Amino acid sequence: MQIKDLAGHGFDLDEAMELCIGDEEIYKEVLETALEEGREKIPLLKNLMETEDYERYIIEAHGLKNAAKQIGAKNLSEIAKKSELEGKAGHIDFMKENHERLMGEYSKVVEVLQELF
């Protein structure tokens, strides 16, 4: 798989490349970092939900929203954004209900990045 193939997996390469000043090497480094972080953050988010540490979960969702946007994973970014905003508004039930969707999308992104590298 090559970077251009990410478009077929729902990545917005135009926006991602714009955020990486059009430099494919920078984008590749950002993708590698996102893969490493994903391997750490998926178990972390699961644990935060299980231990009901919603405040930290909201913080992590905020970071994920931005990281996903930077790599062009718009769907993941939007799901994380909804969790963050709903959590900040005190809608914990929404975060709980949305958790599996978030984890599923995050797992897909990590799988695609693993295939790329």
N, C-alpha and C. Protein backbone atom coordinates (compact mmCIF):
# COMPACT_ATOMS: atom_id res chain seq x y z
N MET A 1 0.84 -1.18 0.00
CA MET A 1 0.00 0.00 0.00
C MET A 1 0.89 1.24 0.00
N GLN A 2 0.41 2.26 -0.68
CA GLN A 2 1.11 3.55 -0.74
C GLN A 2 0.22 4.63 -0.14
N ILE A 3 0.81 5.77 0.15
CA ILE A 3 0.06 6.85 0.77
C ILE A 3 -1.16 7.22 -0.06
N LYS A 4 -1.04 7.27 -1.36
CA LYS A 4 -2.18 7.65 -2.21
C LYS A 4 -3.35 6.70 -2.04
N ASP A 5 -3.08 5.46 -1.61
CA ASP A 5 -4.13 4.47 -1.41
C ASP A 5 -4.99 4.75 -0.19
N LEU A 6 -4.54 5.63 0.68
CA LEU A 6 -5.31 5.97 1.87
C LEU A 6 -6.65 6.60 1.51
N ALA A 7 -6.70 7.27 0.37
CA ALA A 7 -7.94 7.90 -0.07
C ALA A 7 -9.06 6.87 -0.20
N GLY A 8 -8.72 5.68 -0.62
CA GLY A 8 -9.71 4.61 -0.74
C GLY A 8 -10.19 4.07 0.59
N HIS A 9 -9.56 4.51 1.65
CA HIS A 9 -9.94 4.08 3.00
C HIS A 9 -10.53 5.23 3.80
N GLY A 10 -11.00 6.26 3.10
CA GLY A 10 -11.69 7.37 3.75
C GLY A 10 -10.82 8.50 4.25
N PHE A 11 -9.55 8.51 3.88
CA PHE A 11 -8.66 9.59 4.29
C PHE A 11 -8.79 10.75 3.30
N ASP A 12 -8.83 11.96 3.81
CA ASP A 12 -8.86 13.15 2.98
C ASP A 12 -7.41 13.60 2.79
N LEU A 13 -6.81 13.13 1.71
CA LEU A 13 -5.39 13.41 1.48
C LEU A 13 -5.13 14.87 1.16
N ASP A 14 -6.07 15.52 0.50
CA ASP A 14 -5.87 16.94 0.17
C ASP A 14 -5.74 17.78 1.45
N GLU A 15 -6.65 17.57 2.38
CA GLU A 15 -6.59 18.34 3.62
C GLU A 15 -5.35 17.98 4.43
N ALA A 16 -5.05 16.69 4.50
CA ALA A 16 -3.88 16.25 5.27
C ALA A 16 -2.59 16.82 4.70
N MET A 17 -2.48 16.78 3.38
CA MET A 17 -1.27 17.32 2.76
C MET A 17 -1.17 18.83 2.95
N GLU A 18 -2.30 19.49 2.95
CA GLU A 18 -2.30 20.94 3.19
C GLU A 18 -1.79 21.23 4.60
N LEU A 19 -2.24 20.43 5.57
CA LEU A 19 -1.79 20.60 6.95
C LEU A 19 -0.31 20.26 7.12
N CYS A 20 0.21 19.44 6.20
CA CYS A 20 1.63 19.06 6.23
C CYS A 20 2.43 19.85 5.21
N ILE A 21 1.97 21.04 4.90
CA ILE A 21 2.58 21.97 3.95
C ILE A 21 2.98 21.32 2.62
N GLY A 22 2.18 20.35 2.20
CA GLY A 22 2.40 19.71 0.91
C GLY A 22 3.59 18.78 0.85
N ASP A 23 4.17 18.46 1.99
CA ASP A 23 5.37 17.63 2.04
C ASP A 23 5.01 16.19 2.41
N GLU A 24 5.15 15.27 1.46
CA GLU A 24 4.77 13.89 1.69
C GLU A 24 5.61 13.22 2.77
N GLU A 25 6.86 13.62 2.91
CA GLU A 25 7.71 13.05 3.96
C GLU A 25 7.21 13.45 5.35
N ILE A 26 6.80 14.71 5.48
CA ILE A 26 6.23 15.15 6.75
C ILE A 26 4.95 14.37 7.03
N TYR A 27 4.11 14.22 6.01
CA TYR A 27 2.86 13.48 6.17
C TYR A 27 3.14 12.04 6.60
N LYS A 28 4.14 11.44 6.00
CA LYS A 28 4.50 10.06 6.36
C LYS A 28 4.92 9.98 7.82
N GLU A 29 5.69 10.94 8.28
CA GLU A 29 6.11 10.98 9.69
C GLU A 29 4.90 11.15 10.61
N VAL A 30 3.98 12.01 10.21
CA VAL A 30 2.77 12.23 11.00
C VAL A 30 1.94 10.94 11.06
N LEU A 31 1.86 10.23 9.94
CA LEU A 31 1.13 8.97 9.91
C LEU A 31 1.78 7.92 10.81
N GLU A 32 3.10 7.86 10.79
CA GLU A 32 3.81 6.91 11.66
C GLU A 32 3.56 7.23 13.13
N THR A 33 3.57 8.49 13.47
CA THR A 33 3.28 8.91 14.84
C THR A 33 1.85 8.55 15.22
N ALA A 34 0.93 8.77 14.29
CA ALA A 34 -0.48 8.43 14.55
C ALA A 34 -0.65 6.93 14.78
N LEU A 35 0.09 6.12 14.06
CA LEU A 35 0.03 4.68 14.25
C LEU A 35 0.54 4.31 15.65
N GLU A 36 1.68 4.85 16.03
CA GLU A 36 2.23 4.58 17.35
C GLU A 36 1.27 5.02 18.46
N GLU A 37 0.72 6.20 18.30
CA GLU A 37 -0.21 6.71 19.31
C GLU A 37 -1.47 5.87 19.36
N GLY A 38 -1.95 5.44 18.21
CA GLY A 38 -3.16 4.62 18.17
C GLY A 38 -2.99 3.32 18.94
N ARG A 39 -1.83 2.72 18.82
CA ARG A 39 -1.56 1.49 19.55
C ARG A 39 -1.63 1.70 21.06
N GLU A 40 -1.31 2.91 21.50
CA GLU A 40 -1.36 3.24 22.93
C GLU A 40 -2.73 3.76 23.35
N LYS A 41 -3.34 4.57 22.50
CA LYS A 41 -4.56 5.27 22.89
C LYS A 41 -5.81 4.39 22.86
N ILE A 42 -5.86 3.41 21.99
CA ILE A 42 -7.05 2.56 21.96
C ILE A 42 -7.24 1.85 23.30
N PRO A 43 -6.20 1.17 23.83
CA PRO A 43 -6.38 0.56 25.15
C PRO A 43 -6.64 1.59 26.24
N LEU A 44 -6.01 2.75 26.14
CA LEU A 44 -6.22 3.80 27.13
C LEU A 44 -7.68 4.25 27.14
N LEU A 45 -8.24 4.54 25.97
CA LEU A 45 -9.64 4.98 25.90
C LEU A 45 -10.58 3.91 26.44
N LYS A 46 -10.31 2.66 26.12
CA LYS A 46 -11.14 1.57 26.64
C LYS A 46 -11.08 1.55 28.16
N ASN A 47 -9.88 1.69 28.71
CA ASN A 47 -9.72 1.68 30.16
C ASN A 47 -10.40 2.87 30.81
N LEU A 48 -10.29 4.04 30.19
CA LEU A 48 -10.93 5.22 30.75
C LEU A 48 -12.44 5.07 30.79
N MET A 49 -13.01 4.44 29.77
CA MET A 49 -14.45 4.22 29.77
C MET A 49 -14.82 3.19 30.83
N GLU A 50 -14.05 2.12 30.94
CA GLU A 50 -14.33 1.07 31.92
C GLU A 50 -14.23 1.60 33.35
N THR A 51 -13.27 2.48 33.59
CA THR A 51 -13.08 3.02 34.95
C THR A 51 -13.89 4.29 35.19
N GLU A 52 -14.67 4.67 34.20
CA GLU A 52 -15.55 5.84 34.27
C GLU A 52 -14.79 7.14 34.54
N ASP A 53 -13.59 7.23 33.98
CA ASP A 53 -12.80 8.46 34.09
C ASP A 53 -13.18 9.35 32.90
N TYR A 54 -14.36 9.92 32.96
CA TYR A 54 -14.92 10.66 31.83
C TYR A 54 -14.18 11.96 31.56
N GLU A 55 -13.68 12.59 32.60
CA GLU A 55 -12.94 13.84 32.41
C GLU A 55 -11.71 13.59 31.53
N ARG A 56 -10.97 12.56 31.85
CA ARG A 56 -9.78 12.23 31.05
C ARG A 56 -10.18 11.75 29.67
N TYR A 57 -11.28 11.02 29.59
CA TYR A 57 -11.78 10.53 28.29
C TYR A 57 -12.05 11.71 27.37
N ILE A 58 -12.66 12.75 27.90
CA ILE A 58 -12.97 13.95 27.10
C ILE A 58 -11.68 14.59 26.60
N ILE A 59 -10.67 14.65 27.46
CA ILE A 59 -9.38 15.22 27.07
C ILE A 59 -8.76 14.39 25.95
N GLU A 60 -8.80 13.08 26.09
CA GLU A 60 -8.23 12.19 25.06
C GLU A 60 -9.02 12.29 23.76
N ALA A 61 -10.35 12.42 23.86
CA ALA A 61 -11.18 12.58 22.65
C ALA A 61 -10.81 13.87 21.92
N HIS A 62 -10.53 14.91 22.69
CA HIS A 62 -10.11 16.19 22.09
C HIS A 62 -8.80 16.01 21.30
N GLY A 63 -7.83 15.36 21.92
CA GLY A 63 -6.56 15.12 21.24
C GLY A 63 -6.73 14.24 20.02
N LEU A 64 -7.56 13.23 20.13
CA LEU A 64 -7.81 12.33 19.00
C LEU A 64 -8.47 13.08 17.85
N LYS A 65 -9.41 13.96 18.18
CA LYS A 65 -10.08 14.76 17.15
C LYS A 65 -9.06 15.50 16.30
N ASN A 66 -8.12 16.15 16.96
CA ASN A 66 -7.11 16.93 16.25
C ASN A 66 -6.12 16.04 15.50
N ALA A 67 -5.68 14.97 16.12
CA ALA A 67 -4.72 14.07 15.47
C ALA A 67 -5.33 13.42 14.24
N ALA A 68 -6.59 13.01 14.36
CA ALA A 68 -7.27 12.37 13.22
C ALA A 68 -7.45 13.36 12.07
N LYS A 69 -7.78 14.58 12.41
CA LYS A 69 -7.93 15.60 11.37
C LYS A 69 -6.60 15.82 10.65
N GLN A 70 -5.52 15.83 11.39
CA GLN A 70 -4.21 16.09 10.80
C GLN A 70 -3.81 15.01 9.79
N ILE A 71 -4.22 13.77 10.03
CA ILE A 71 -3.86 12.71 9.08
C ILE A 71 -4.92 12.51 8.00
N GLY A 72 -6.00 13.26 8.09
CA GLY A 72 -7.05 13.16 7.07
C GLY A 72 -8.12 12.14 7.37
N ALA A 73 -8.15 11.61 8.60
CA ALA A 73 -9.16 10.63 8.99
C ALA A 73 -10.39 11.39 9.50
N LYS A 74 -11.14 11.95 8.56
CA LYS A 74 -12.23 12.86 8.89
C LYS A 74 -13.33 12.19 9.70
N ASN A 75 -13.68 10.97 9.35
CA ASN A 75 -14.76 10.29 10.08
C ASN A 75 -14.38 10.09 11.54
N LEU A 76 -13.17 9.63 11.78
CA LEU A 76 -12.69 9.45 13.15
C LEU A 76 -12.66 10.79 13.88
N SER A 77 -12.21 11.82 13.22
CA SER A 77 -12.15 13.15 13.81
C SER A 77 -13.54 13.63 14.23
N GLU A 78 -14.54 13.40 13.37
CA GLU A 78 -15.91 13.83 13.66
C GLU A 78 -16.51 13.06 14.84
N ILE A 79 -16.26 11.75 14.88
CA ILE A 79 -16.78 10.94 15.98
C ILE A 79 -16.14 11.37 17.29
N ALA A 80 -14.84 11.61 17.28
CA ALA A 80 -14.14 12.07 18.48
C ALA A 80 -14.64 13.44 18.91
N LYS A 81 -14.89 14.30 17.95
CA LYS A 81 -15.40 15.64 18.25
C LYS A 81 -16.75 15.57 18.94
N LYS A 82 -17.63 14.70 18.44
CA LYS A 82 -18.95 14.56 19.06
C LYS A 82 -18.82 14.06 20.50
N SER A 83 -17.94 13.09 20.72
CA SER A 83 -17.73 12.59 22.08
C SER A 83 -17.22 13.69 22.99
N GLU A 84 -16.27 14.46 22.49
CA GLU A 84 -15.71 15.56 23.28
C GLU A 84 -16.79 16.57 23.64
N LEU A 85 -17.51 17.04 22.65
CA LEU A 85 -18.51 18.09 22.89
C LEU A 85 -19.65 17.62 23.78
N GLU A 86 -20.13 16.40 23.52
CA GLU A 86 -21.21 15.86 24.34
C GLU A 86 -20.74 15.63 25.78
N GLY A 87 -19.49 15.17 25.92
CA GLY A 87 -18.95 14.96 27.25
C GLY A 87 -18.82 16.27 28.01
N LYS A 88 -18.34 17.30 27.33
CA LYS A 88 -18.21 18.62 27.97
C LYS A 88 -19.57 19.16 28.39
N ALA A 89 -20.61 18.78 27.63
CA ALA A 89 -21.97 19.24 27.95
C ALA A 89 -22.60 18.38 29.04
N GLY A 90 -21.87 17.38 29.52
CA GLY A 90 -22.38 16.54 30.59
C GLY A 90 -23.22 15.36 30.12
N HIS A 91 -23.21 15.10 28.83
CA HIS A 91 -24.00 14.00 28.26
C HIS A 91 -23.17 12.71 28.25
N ILE A 92 -22.97 12.17 29.43
CA ILE A 92 -22.14 10.98 29.60
C ILE A 92 -22.76 9.78 28.90
N ASP A 93 -24.08 9.69 28.91
CA ASP A 93 -24.75 8.57 28.23
C ASP A 93 -24.40 8.55 26.75
N PHE A 94 -24.32 9.73 26.13
CA PHE A 94 -23.93 9.79 24.72
C PHE A 94 -22.52 9.23 24.54
N MET A 95 -21.61 9.64 25.41
CA MET A 95 -20.22 9.16 25.31
C MET A 95 -20.18 7.64 25.44
N LYS A 96 -20.94 7.11 26.38
CA LYS A 96 -20.97 5.66 26.57
C LYS A 96 -21.51 4.96 25.32
N GLU A 97 -22.60 5.49 24.78
CA GLU A 97 -23.22 4.89 23.60
C GLU A 97 -22.33 5.03 22.36
N ASN A 98 -21.57 6.10 22.28
CA ASN A 98 -20.72 6.38 21.12
C ASN A 98 -19.36 5.69 21.22
N HIS A 99 -19.04 5.18 22.39
CA HIS A 99 -17.70 4.61 22.63
C HIS A 99 -17.35 3.49 21.65
N GLU A 100 -18.23 2.55 21.45
CA GLU A 100 -17.93 1.43 20.55
C GLU A 100 -17.73 1.91 19.11
N ARG A 101 -18.51 2.87 18.73
CA ARG A 101 -18.37 3.45 17.38
C ARG A 101 -17.00 4.12 17.24
N LEU A 102 -16.62 4.86 18.26
CA LEU A 102 -15.31 5.52 18.26
C LEU A 102 -14.19 4.49 18.20
N MET A 103 -14.29 3.47 19.03
CA MET A 103 -13.25 2.43 19.06
C MET A 103 -13.18 1.68 17.73
N GLY A 104 -14.33 1.42 17.13
CA GLY A 104 -14.36 0.73 15.84
C GLY A 104 -13.68 1.54 14.75
N GLU A 105 -13.98 2.81 14.70
CA GLU A 105 -13.39 3.67 13.68
C GLU A 105 -11.90 3.86 13.92
N TYR A 106 -11.52 4.02 15.17
CA TYR A 106 -10.11 4.19 15.52
C TYR A 106 -9.33 2.93 15.16
N SER A 107 -9.91 1.78 15.45
CA SER A 107 -9.26 0.50 15.10
C SER A 107 -9.06 0.36 13.60
N LYS A 108 -10.07 0.78 12.82
CA LYS A 108 -9.95 0.72 11.35
C LYS A 108 -8.79 1.59 10.87
N VAL A 109 -8.69 2.79 11.41
CA VAL A 109 -7.62 3.71 11.01
C VAL A 109 -6.26 3.10 11.34
N VAL A 110 -6.13 2.55 12.53
CA VAL A 110 -4.85 1.92 12.92
C VAL A 110 -4.53 0.74 12.02
N GLU A 111 -5.52 -0.07 11.69
CA GLU A 111 -5.31 -1.21 10.79
C GLU A 111 -4.79 -0.76 9.42
N VAL A 112 -5.39 0.29 8.90
CA VAL A 112 -4.97 0.81 7.59
C VAL A 112 -3.53 1.32 7.68
N LEU A 113 -3.21 2.02 8.74
CA LEU A 113 -1.85 2.53 8.91
C LEU A 113 -0.85 1.40 9.10
N GLN A 114 -1.24 0.34 9.78
CA GLN A 114 -0.36 -0.83 9.93
C GLN A 114 -0.08 -1.44 8.56
N GLU A 115 -1.10 -1.50 7.73
CA GLU A 115 -0.94 -2.04 6.39
C GLU A 115 0.00 -1.16 5.55
N LEU A 116 -0.10 0.15 5.75
CA LEU A 116 0.76 1.08 5.01
C LEU A 116 2.22 0.90 5.39
N PHE A 117 2.48 0.70 6.68
CA PHE A 117 3.85 0.60 7.14
C PHE A 117 4.27 -0.84 7.35
